[in-house]
Every structure is written in structure tokens, then in C-alpha cells.
Amino acid sequence: MLCVVYKSLKKDQTYLYIERRDDFSKVPDALLVSFGKPQLVTLINLEKRTSLALADLSKVKAELSDKGYYLQLPPPPEDLLAEHKATLQLK
């Protein structure tokens, strides 16, 4: 299964995976508006991969098959204060 990855110029660390290059027909219009102009990043053969850097490979494949696209959002920001408080409570 081949897919094409685009990054958003409006939303940092946000990526859109689709099945065919420049074919955004299955992506909802509202998503494309908020995503902004997609910038091509890479083509990936998902069958030859065992994992992806920040996305669950099986979820990417499933959503590409079901919806025709996968949206990768940035990881949530670290809450260092909460982590520090949790370590203080353990002592």
C-alpha cells in the first residue's frame, strides 16, 4: 500500500496521508481549509514498513482504507509541572 504524505503550512507538526498524489477528493473540505495548502513531504510504501515515527502504522492503514486519508496531529505538549508534582508525591 503506497501513500503520500503532506505537511500543513498552517498547523505545525500536522501531516495528511492520502492514497494518491494530489488527490484530495476523499478529504473533507473543512479539513482542507483548516490544514491550508498541503506541501508534499514524501511517498511511503506502507507494506515495507514495520513502524512509523509518530503514527500507528495499523491505524494509518485502516483509516486510509476506510476514509481515504489519515490526519496525523502533533503530540500533546508535555506538562513538566504536573510530572514534577507527581514525582514529589511519590517520595
N, C-alpha and C. Protein backbone atom coordinates (compact mmCIF):
# COMPACT_ATOMS: atom_id res chain seq x y z
N MET A 1 0.85 -1.17 0.00
CA MET A 1 0.00 0.00 0.00
C MET A 1 0.90 1.24 0.00
N LEU A 2 0.78 2.03 -1.05
CA LEU A 2 1.52 3.28 -1.14
C LEU A 2 0.67 4.41 -0.61
N CYS A 3 1.32 5.39 -0.01
CA CYS A 3 0.60 6.59 0.41
C CYS A 3 1.52 7.80 0.23
N VAL A 4 0.88 8.95 0.20
CA VAL A 4 1.59 10.21 0.02
C VAL A 4 1.39 11.04 1.28
N VAL A 5 2.44 11.65 1.77
CA VAL A 5 2.37 12.44 3.00
C VAL A 5 2.59 13.91 2.68
N TYR A 6 1.69 14.74 3.20
CA TYR A 6 1.78 16.19 3.05
C TYR A 6 1.84 16.82 4.44
N LYS A 7 2.54 17.94 4.54
CA LYS A 7 2.54 18.66 5.81
C LYS A 7 1.75 19.95 5.65
N SER A 8 1.22 20.39 6.77
CA SER A 8 0.46 21.63 6.79
C SER A 8 1.41 22.80 7.02
N LEU A 9 1.21 23.87 6.26
CA LEU A 9 1.99 25.07 6.48
C LEU A 9 1.32 25.97 7.53
N LYS A 10 0.06 25.67 7.85
CA LYS A 10 -0.68 26.45 8.85
C LYS A 10 -0.58 25.86 10.25
N LYS A 11 -0.51 24.54 10.33
CA LYS A 11 -0.52 23.83 11.62
C LYS A 11 0.80 23.08 11.77
N ASP A 12 1.60 23.48 12.72
CA ASP A 12 2.90 22.86 12.95
C ASP A 12 2.75 21.38 13.33
N GLN A 13 3.60 20.54 12.79
CA GLN A 13 3.65 19.10 13.06
C GLN A 13 2.35 18.38 12.72
N THR A 14 1.63 18.86 11.73
CA THR A 14 0.39 18.22 11.30
C THR A 14 0.59 17.69 9.89
N TYR A 15 0.26 16.40 9.70
CA TYR A 15 0.51 15.74 8.42
C TYR A 15 -0.75 15.05 7.93
N LEU A 16 -0.91 15.01 6.62
CA LEU A 16 -2.05 14.37 5.99
C LEU A 16 -1.53 13.26 5.07
N TYR A 17 -2.01 12.05 5.31
CA TYR A 17 -1.65 10.89 4.50
C TYR A 17 -2.82 10.61 3.56
N ILE A 18 -2.54 10.49 2.26
CA ILE A 18 -3.59 10.14 1.30
C ILE A 18 -3.07 9.02 0.40
N GLU A 19 -3.99 8.43 -0.37
CA GLU A 19 -3.64 7.27 -1.19
C GLU A 19 -2.93 7.63 -2.50
N ARG A 20 -3.30 8.75 -3.10
CA ARG A 20 -2.72 9.13 -4.40
C ARG A 20 -2.25 10.58 -4.36
N ARG A 21 -1.15 10.82 -5.02
CA ARG A 21 -0.57 12.17 -5.05
C ARG A 21 -1.57 13.19 -5.61
N ASP A 22 -1.74 14.26 -4.87
CA ASP A 22 -2.60 15.39 -5.23
C ASP A 22 -4.07 15.04 -5.40
N ASP A 23 -4.53 13.90 -4.88
CA ASP A 23 -5.94 13.51 -4.94
C ASP A 23 -6.56 13.70 -3.56
N PHE A 24 -7.10 14.88 -3.34
CA PHE A 24 -7.70 15.23 -2.05
C PHE A 24 -9.21 15.06 -2.07
N SER A 25 -9.72 14.29 -3.01
CA SER A 25 -11.17 14.16 -3.19
C SER A 25 -11.87 13.50 -2.00
N LYS A 26 -11.17 12.67 -1.23
CA LYS A 26 -11.79 12.00 -0.08
C LYS A 26 -11.60 12.78 1.22
N VAL A 27 -10.84 13.85 1.18
CA VAL A 27 -10.60 14.67 2.38
C VAL A 27 -11.71 15.71 2.49
N PRO A 28 -12.35 15.81 3.66
CA PRO A 28 -13.42 16.80 3.82
C PRO A 28 -12.92 18.23 3.56
N ASP A 29 -13.79 19.03 2.94
CA ASP A 29 -13.42 20.41 2.61
C ASP A 29 -13.01 21.21 3.84
N ALA A 30 -13.75 21.04 4.94
CA ALA A 30 -13.43 21.79 6.17
C ALA A 30 -12.02 21.45 6.67
N LEU A 31 -11.63 20.20 6.54
CA LEU A 31 -10.28 19.80 6.95
C LEU A 31 -9.23 20.45 6.06
N LEU A 32 -9.48 20.47 4.76
CA LEU A 32 -8.53 21.08 3.84
C LEU A 32 -8.38 22.58 4.09
N VAL A 33 -9.48 23.24 4.45
CA VAL A 33 -9.42 24.68 4.75
C VAL A 33 -8.56 24.93 5.98
N SER A 34 -8.78 24.15 7.05
CA SER A 34 -8.00 24.36 8.27
C SER A 34 -6.56 23.87 8.11
N PHE A 35 -6.34 22.87 7.26
CA PHE A 35 -4.99 22.34 7.03
C PHE A 35 -4.14 23.33 6.24
N GLY A 36 -4.77 24.06 5.34
CA GLY A 36 -4.03 25.00 4.50
C GLY A 36 -3.48 24.31 3.26
N LYS A 37 -2.65 25.01 2.53
CA LYS A 37 -2.08 24.44 1.30
C LYS A 37 -1.13 23.30 1.67
N PRO A 38 -1.45 22.08 1.23
CA PRO A 38 -0.59 20.93 1.56
C PRO A 38 0.76 21.01 0.84
N GLN A 39 1.81 20.71 1.57
CA GLN A 39 3.15 20.67 0.99
C GLN A 39 3.63 19.22 1.00
N LEU A 40 3.97 18.71 -0.17
CA LEU A 40 4.43 17.33 -0.31
C LEU A 40 5.68 17.08 0.52
N VAL A 41 5.64 15.98 1.29
CA VAL A 41 6.79 15.60 2.11
C VAL A 41 7.45 14.36 1.52
N THR A 42 6.66 13.28 1.34
CA THR A 42 7.26 12.03 0.88
C THR A 42 6.19 11.06 0.38
N LEU A 43 6.65 10.03 -0.30
CA LEU A 43 5.84 8.87 -0.68
C LEU A 43 6.33 7.71 0.17
N ILE A 44 5.40 6.92 0.72
CA ILE A 44 5.79 5.80 1.59
C ILE A 44 5.10 4.53 1.13
N ASN A 45 5.86 3.44 1.06
CA ASN A 45 5.28 2.12 0.85
C ASN A 45 5.03 1.52 2.22
N LEU A 46 3.78 1.53 2.65
CA LEU A 46 3.43 1.08 3.99
C LEU A 46 3.64 -0.43 4.18
N GLU A 47 3.61 -1.19 3.11
CA GLU A 47 3.79 -2.64 3.21
C GLU A 47 5.23 -3.00 3.58
N LYS A 48 6.16 -2.15 3.26
CA LYS A 48 7.56 -2.44 3.56
C LYS A 48 7.99 -1.86 4.90
N ARG A 49 7.08 -1.22 5.62
CA ARG A 49 7.39 -0.60 6.91
C ARG A 49 6.91 -1.47 8.06
N THR A 50 7.63 -1.42 9.14
CA THR A 50 7.19 -2.10 10.36
C THR A 50 6.65 -1.09 11.37
N SER A 51 7.02 0.18 11.18
CA SER A 51 6.52 1.24 12.05
C SER A 51 6.68 2.59 11.36
N LEU A 52 6.03 3.59 11.96
CA LEU A 52 6.19 4.97 11.51
C LEU A 52 6.66 5.78 12.71
N ALA A 53 7.27 6.92 12.46
CA ALA A 53 7.87 7.71 13.55
C ALA A 53 6.86 8.13 14.61
N LEU A 54 5.81 8.81 14.23
CA LEU A 54 4.87 9.34 15.22
C LEU A 54 3.42 8.91 14.97
N ALA A 55 3.23 7.88 14.18
CA ALA A 55 1.88 7.41 13.90
C ALA A 55 1.84 5.89 14.02
N ASP A 56 0.68 5.38 14.37
CA ASP A 56 0.46 3.94 14.49
C ASP A 56 0.22 3.39 13.08
N LEU A 57 1.13 2.53 12.62
CA LEU A 57 1.07 2.01 11.25
C LEU A 57 -0.26 1.33 10.95
N SER A 58 -0.76 0.50 11.85
CA SER A 58 -2.01 -0.20 11.59
C SER A 58 -3.19 0.78 11.51
N LYS A 59 -3.15 1.83 12.32
CA LYS A 59 -4.22 2.84 12.28
C LYS A 59 -4.16 3.63 10.98
N VAL A 60 -2.97 3.97 10.52
CA VAL A 60 -2.81 4.68 9.26
C VAL A 60 -3.38 3.84 8.12
N LYS A 61 -3.01 2.57 8.07
CA LYS A 61 -3.52 1.68 7.02
C LYS A 61 -5.04 1.56 7.07
N ALA A 62 -5.58 1.39 8.28
CA ALA A 62 -7.03 1.22 8.44
C ALA A 62 -7.78 2.48 7.99
N GLU A 63 -7.31 3.64 8.41
CA GLU A 63 -8.00 4.87 8.03
C GLU A 63 -7.85 5.19 6.55
N LEU A 64 -6.71 4.86 5.96
CA LEU A 64 -6.57 5.04 4.52
C LEU A 64 -7.56 4.15 3.77
N SER A 65 -7.74 2.93 4.24
CA SER A 65 -8.68 2.01 3.59
C SER A 65 -10.12 2.44 3.80
N ASP A 66 -10.45 2.87 5.04
CA ASP A 66 -11.84 3.23 5.37
C ASP A 66 -12.24 4.61 4.87
N LYS A 67 -11.41 5.62 5.17
CA LYS A 67 -11.77 7.01 4.88
C LYS A 67 -11.06 7.58 3.66
N GLY A 68 -9.94 6.99 3.30
CA GLY A 68 -9.17 7.51 2.17
C GLY A 68 -8.11 8.53 2.57
N TYR A 69 -8.01 8.80 3.88
CA TYR A 69 -6.98 9.72 4.37
C TYR A 69 -6.72 9.44 5.85
N TYR A 70 -5.58 9.93 6.32
CA TYR A 70 -5.24 9.85 7.75
C TYR A 70 -4.63 11.18 8.14
N LEU A 71 -5.12 11.77 9.23
CA LEU A 71 -4.60 13.03 9.72
C LEU A 71 -3.73 12.77 10.95
N GLN A 72 -2.47 13.14 10.87
CA GLN A 72 -1.55 12.99 12.00
C GLN A 72 -1.41 14.34 12.67
N LEU A 73 -1.86 14.41 13.93
CA LEU A 73 -1.78 15.64 14.71
C LEU A 73 -0.52 15.62 15.56
N PRO A 74 -0.06 16.80 15.98
CA PRO A 74 1.15 16.83 16.81
C PRO A 74 0.89 16.20 18.17
N PRO A 75 1.93 15.67 18.80
CA PRO A 75 1.75 15.11 20.14
C PRO A 75 1.35 16.20 21.11
N PRO A 76 0.62 15.84 22.17
CA PRO A 76 0.24 16.87 23.14
C PRO A 76 1.48 17.44 23.83
N PRO A 77 1.43 18.70 24.22
CA PRO A 77 2.61 19.28 24.87
C PRO A 77 2.86 18.63 26.23
N GLU A 78 4.12 18.55 26.57
CA GLU A 78 4.48 17.97 27.86
C GLU A 78 4.10 18.93 28.98
N ASP A 79 3.55 18.38 30.05
CA ASP A 79 3.24 19.17 31.23
C ASP A 79 4.29 18.85 32.28
N LEU A 80 5.40 19.57 32.21
CA LEU A 80 6.52 19.28 33.09
C LEU A 80 6.20 19.57 34.55
N LEU A 81 5.35 20.55 34.80
CA LEU A 81 4.96 20.86 36.18
C LEU A 81 4.19 19.70 36.79
N ALA A 82 3.25 19.14 36.04
CA ALA A 82 2.47 18.00 36.53
C ALA A 82 3.37 16.79 36.78
N GLU A 83 4.32 16.56 35.89
CA GLU A 83 5.25 15.45 36.07
C GLU A 83 6.09 15.66 37.33
N HIS A 84 6.54 16.88 37.55
CA HIS A 84 7.35 17.18 38.74
C HIS A 84 6.53 16.97 40.01
N LYS A 85 5.31 17.45 40.01
CA LYS A 85 4.44 17.27 41.17
C LYS A 85 4.19 15.79 41.45
N ALA A 86 4.01 15.01 40.40
CA ALA A 86 3.79 13.56 40.57
C ALA A 86 5.01 12.89 41.19
N THR A 87 6.20 13.30 40.78
CA THR A 87 7.40 12.69 41.36
C THR A 87 7.57 13.11 42.82
N LEU A 88 7.14 14.32 43.16
CA LEU A 88 7.24 14.77 44.56
C LEU A 88 6.29 13.98 45.45
N GLN A 89 5.14 13.60 44.93
CA GLN A 89 4.16 12.83 45.71
C GLN A 89 4.63 11.41 45.94
N LEU A 90 5.47 10.89 45.08
CA LEU A 90 5.97 9.52 45.23
C LEU A 90 7.01 9.42 46.32
N LYS A 91 7.61 10.52 46.70
CA LYS A 91 8.68 10.49 47.71
C LYS A 91 8.14 10.47 49.11
